Amino acid sequence: MSRMIAALLVSAGAVAALGGCGTTTAGTPVTVVREIVPPSTTTAVVAPPATSVVVVEPPVTVTRAPSLTSCQRLFAEGFSYTYAFNTWVNAGRPLSWDADRDGYPCEQSYGNRN
């Protein structure tokens, strides 16, 4: 920190006490030196405002898988053609299971059986 020194010249006829150094006589100019200290400064650290990040996921379109027919579901789950045929008979031989109406159900899933 730099300090500034100011000099004050006391004009003739003035009396100044020099703190134990003696007294001056009338008409003798006296130079008084006084230290001027600049005001102290303080550094304040200001934290930036808290920020928050919001992540927005892109919209997702959900589409249902096409529904499986009864024959496709039985085939996908690993059931045999014999099990599918017996299930068709127990269900009352619905026409939706026998596309070509030849008496053999699930031919589109298990292959042609006639």
C-alpha atoms as a PDB file:
ATOM      1  CA  MET A   1       0.000   0.000   0.000  1.00  0.00           C
ATOM      2  CA  SER A   2       1.546   3.347  -0.937  1.00  0.00           C
ATOM      3  CA  ARG A   3       1.593   6.190   1.533  1.00  0.00           C
ATOM      4  CA  MET A   4       1.434   9.828   0.743  1.00  0.00           C
ATOM      5  CA  ILE A   5       3.468  12.420   2.592  1.00  0.00           C
ATOM      6  CA  ALA A   6       2.161  15.937   2.909  1.00  0.00           C
ATOM      7  CA  ALA A   7       4.280  18.831   3.898  1.00  0.00           C
ATOM      8  CA  LEU A   8       2.878  21.809   5.720  1.00  0.00           C
ATOM      9  CA  LEU A   9       4.835  24.993   5.818  1.00  0.00           C
ATOM     10  CA  VAL A  10       4.124  27.097   8.871  1.00  0.00           C
ATOM     11  CA  SER A  11       4.433  30.772   8.009  1.00  0.00           C
ATOM     12  CA  ALA A  12       6.499  33.271   9.916  1.00  0.00           C
ATOM     13  CA  GLY A  13       5.117  34.252  13.285  1.00  0.00           C
ATOM     14  CA  ALA A  14       3.505  30.938  13.966  1.00  0.00           C
ATOM     15  CA  VAL A  15       4.596  28.735  16.803  1.00  0.00           C
ATOM     16  CA  ALA A  16       4.697  25.012  16.424  1.00  0.00           C
ATOM     17  CA  ALA A  17       5.481  22.387  18.970  1.00  0.00           C
ATOM     18  CA  LEU A  18       7.730  19.714  17.610  1.00  0.00           C
ATOM     19  CA  GLY A  19       7.178  17.175  20.346  1.00  0.00           C
ATOM     20  CA  GLY A  20      10.379  17.381  22.358  1.00  0.00           C
ATOM     21  CA  CYS A  21      12.571  18.671  19.544  1.00  0.00           C
ATOM     22  CA  GLY A  22      12.483  22.205  20.889  1.00  0.00           C
ATOM     23  CA  THR A  23      10.615  25.346  20.065  1.00  0.00           C
ATOM     24  CA  THR A  24      10.976  27.705  17.202  1.00  0.00           C
ATOM     25  CA  THR A  25      11.605  31.379  17.321  1.00  0.00           C
ATOM     26  CA  ALA A  26       9.271  33.915  15.844  1.00  0.00           C
ATOM     27  CA  GLY A  27       9.824  34.529  12.195  1.00  0.00           C
ATOM     28  CA  THR A  28      11.511  31.217  11.479  1.00  0.00           C
ATOM     29  CA  PRO A  29       9.604  29.077   9.028  1.00  0.00           C
ATOM     30  CA  VAL A  30       8.930  25.537  10.244  1.00  0.00           C
ATOM     31  CA  THR A  31       8.128  22.549   8.060  1.00  0.00           C
ATOM     32  CA  VAL A  32       5.800  20.014   9.634  1.00  0.00           C
ATOM     33  CA  VAL A  33       5.604  16.621   7.961  1.00  0.00           C
ATOM     34  CA  ARG A  34       2.487  14.549   8.477  1.00  0.00           C
ATOM     35  CA  GLU A  35       1.723  11.163   6.966  1.00  0.00           C
ATOM     36  CA  ILE A  36      -1.581  10.906   5.100  1.00  0.00           C
ATOM     37  CA  VAL A  37      -2.876   7.359   4.957  1.00  0.00           C
ATOM     38  CA  PRO A  38      -5.364   6.643   2.197  1.00  0.00           C
ATOM     39  CA  PRO A  39      -8.594   5.047   3.347  1.00  0.00           C
ATOM     40  CA  SER A  40      -8.396   1.298   3.525  1.00  0.00           C
ATOM     41  CA  THR A  41     -10.307  -0.643   0.900  1.00  0.00           C
ATOM     42  CA  THR A  42     -12.095  -3.885   1.377  1.00  0.00           C
ATOM     43  CA  THR A  43     -12.611  -6.435  -1.314  1.00  0.00           C
ATOM     44  CA  ALA A  44     -16.011  -8.065  -1.237  1.00  0.00           C
ATOM     45  CA  VAL A  45     -16.469 -11.371  -3.033  1.00  0.00           C
ATOM     46  CA  VAL A  46     -19.955 -11.743  -4.400  1.00  0.00           C
ATOM     47  CA  ALA A  47     -20.971 -15.253  -5.315  1.00  0.00           C
ATOM     48  CA  PRO A  48     -22.906 -15.616  -8.553  1.00  0.00           C
ATOM     49  CA  PRO A  49     -26.567 -16.457  -8.150  1.00  0.00           C
ATOM     50  CA  ALA A  50     -27.339 -20.133  -7.899  1.00  0.00           C
ATOM     51  CA  THR A  51     -28.418 -21.567 -11.203  1.00  0.00           C
ATOM     52  CA  SER A  52     -30.393 -24.684 -11.792  1.00  0.00           C
ATOM     53  CA  VAL A  53     -30.392 -26.827 -14.877  1.00  0.00           C
ATOM     54  CA  VAL A  54     -33.649 -28.292 -16.061  1.00  0.00           C
ATOM     55  CA  VAL A  55     -33.342 -31.146 -18.520  1.00  0.00           C
ATOM     56  CA  VAL A  56     -36.407 -31.651 -20.656  1.00  0.00           C
ATOM     57  CA  GLU A  57     -36.592 -35.004 -22.339  1.00  0.00           C
ATOM     58  CA  PRO A  58     -37.879 -35.013 -25.906  1.00  0.00           C
ATOM     59  CA  PRO A  59     -41.427 -36.289 -26.273  1.00  0.00           C
ATOM     60  CA  VAL A  60     -41.733 -40.003 -26.875  1.00  0.00           C
ATOM     61  CA  THR A  61     -44.399 -41.451 -29.092  1.00  0.00           C
ATOM     62  CA  VAL A  62     -45.675 -44.742 -27.776  1.00  0.00           C
ATOM     63  CA  THR A  63     -47.346 -46.982 -30.304  1.00  0.00           C
ATOM     64  CA  ARG A  64     -48.937 -50.256 -29.417  1.00  0.00           C
ATOM     65  CA  ALA A  65     -47.681 -53.313 -31.158  1.00  0.00           C
ATOM     66  CA  PRO A  66     -50.253 -54.782 -33.480  1.00  0.00           C
ATOM     67  CA  SER A  67     -52.360 -57.237 -31.565  1.00  0.00           C
ATOM     68  CA  LEU A  68     -51.682 -60.875 -32.244  1.00  0.00           C
ATOM     69  CA  THR A  69     -54.346 -63.325 -33.297  1.00  0.00           C
ATOM     70  CA  SER A  70     -54.959 -66.312 -31.057  1.00  0.00           C
ATOM     71  CA  CYS A  71     -52.948 -68.550 -33.394  1.00  0.00           C
ATOM     72  CA  GLN A  72     -50.017 -66.103 -33.525  1.00  0.00           C
ATOM     73  CA  ARG A  73     -50.009 -65.818 -29.744  1.00  0.00           C
ATOM     74  CA  LEU A  74     -50.006 -69.631 -29.271  1.00  0.00           C
ATOM     75  CA  PHE A  75     -47.191 -70.002 -31.825  1.00  0.00           C
ATOM     76  CA  ALA A  76     -45.136 -67.170 -30.263  1.00  0.00           C
ATOM     77  CA  GLU A  77     -45.466 -68.718 -26.810  1.00  0.00           C
ATOM     78  CA  GLY A  78     -44.112 -72.061 -28.127  1.00  0.00           C
ATOM     79  CA  PHE A  79     -47.241 -74.210 -28.054  1.00  0.00           C
ATOM     80  CA  SER A  80     -47.447 -77.135 -30.494  1.00  0.00           C
ATOM     81  CA  TYR A  81     -49.890 -77.399 -33.387  1.00  0.00           C
ATOM     82  CA  THR A  82     -51.699 -80.197 -31.551  1.00  0.00           C
ATOM     83  CA  TYR A  83     -52.252 -77.899 -28.552  1.00  0.00           C
ATOM     84  CA  ALA A  84     -53.463 -75.094 -30.863  1.00  0.00           C
ATOM     85  CA  PHE A  85     -55.853 -77.493 -32.667  1.00  0.00           C
ATOM     86  CA  ASN A  86     -57.317 -78.764 -29.367  1.00  0.00           C
ATOM     87  CA  THR A  87     -57.690 -75.190 -28.113  1.00  0.00           C
ATOM     88  CA  TRP A  88     -59.537 -74.304 -31.351  1.00  0.00           C
ATOM     89  CA  VAL A  89     -61.909 -77.255 -30.877  1.00  0.00           C
ATOM     90  CA  ASN A  90     -62.505 -76.350 -27.185  1.00  0.00           C
ATOM     91  CA  ALA A  91     -63.238 -72.728 -28.198  1.00  0.00           C
ATOM     92  CA  GLY A  92     -66.056 -73.933 -30.495  1.00  0.00           C
ATOM     93  CA  ARG A  93     -64.130 -73.918 -33.791  1.00  0.00           C
ATOM     94  CA  PRO A  94     -64.231 -70.149 -34.378  1.00  0.00           C
ATOM     95  CA  LEU A  95     -63.995 -69.216 -38.039  1.00  0.00           C
ATOM     96  CA  SER A  96     -61.415 -66.514 -37.308  1.00  0.00           C
ATOM     97  CA  TRP A  97     -58.856 -69.270 -36.560  1.00  0.00           C
ATOM     98  CA  ASP A  98     -59.377 -71.062 -39.908  1.00  0.00           C
ATOM     99  CA  ALA A  99     -58.775 -68.504 -42.648  1.00  0.00           C
ATOM    100  CA  ASP A 100     -59.359 -70.845 -45.638  1.00  0.00           C
ATOM    101  CA  ARG A 101     -62.237 -72.719 -43.955  1.00  0.00           C
ATOM    102  CA  ASP A 102     -60.745 -76.152 -44.603  1.00  0.00           C
ATOM    103  CA  GLY A 103     -61.054 -77.418 -41.004  1.00  0.00           C
ATOM    104  CA  TYR A 104     -57.439 -76.839 -40.031  1.00  0.00           C
ATOM    105  CA  PRO A 105     -56.870 -73.825 -37.802  1.00  0.00           C
ATOM    106  CA  CYS A 106     -53.745 -71.674 -37.477  1.00  0.00           C
ATOM    107  CA  GLU A 107     -52.285 -72.621 -40.872  1.00  0.00           C
ATOM    108  CA  GLN A 108     -50.891 -69.103 -41.343  1.00  0.00           C
ATOM    109  CA  SER A 109     -48.850 -69.480 -38.131  1.00  0.00           C
ATOM    110  CA  TYR A 110     -47.980 -73.199 -38.143  1.00  0.00           C
ATOM    111  CA  GLY A 111     -48.014 -73.900 -41.891  1.00  0.00           C
ATOM    112  CA  ASN A 112     -50.453 -75.767 -44.132  1.00  0.00           C
ATOM    113  CA  ARG A 113     -51.695 -78.957 -42.441  1.00  0.00           C
ATOM    114  CA  ASN A 114     -54.009 -80.503 -45.105  1.00  0.00           C
END
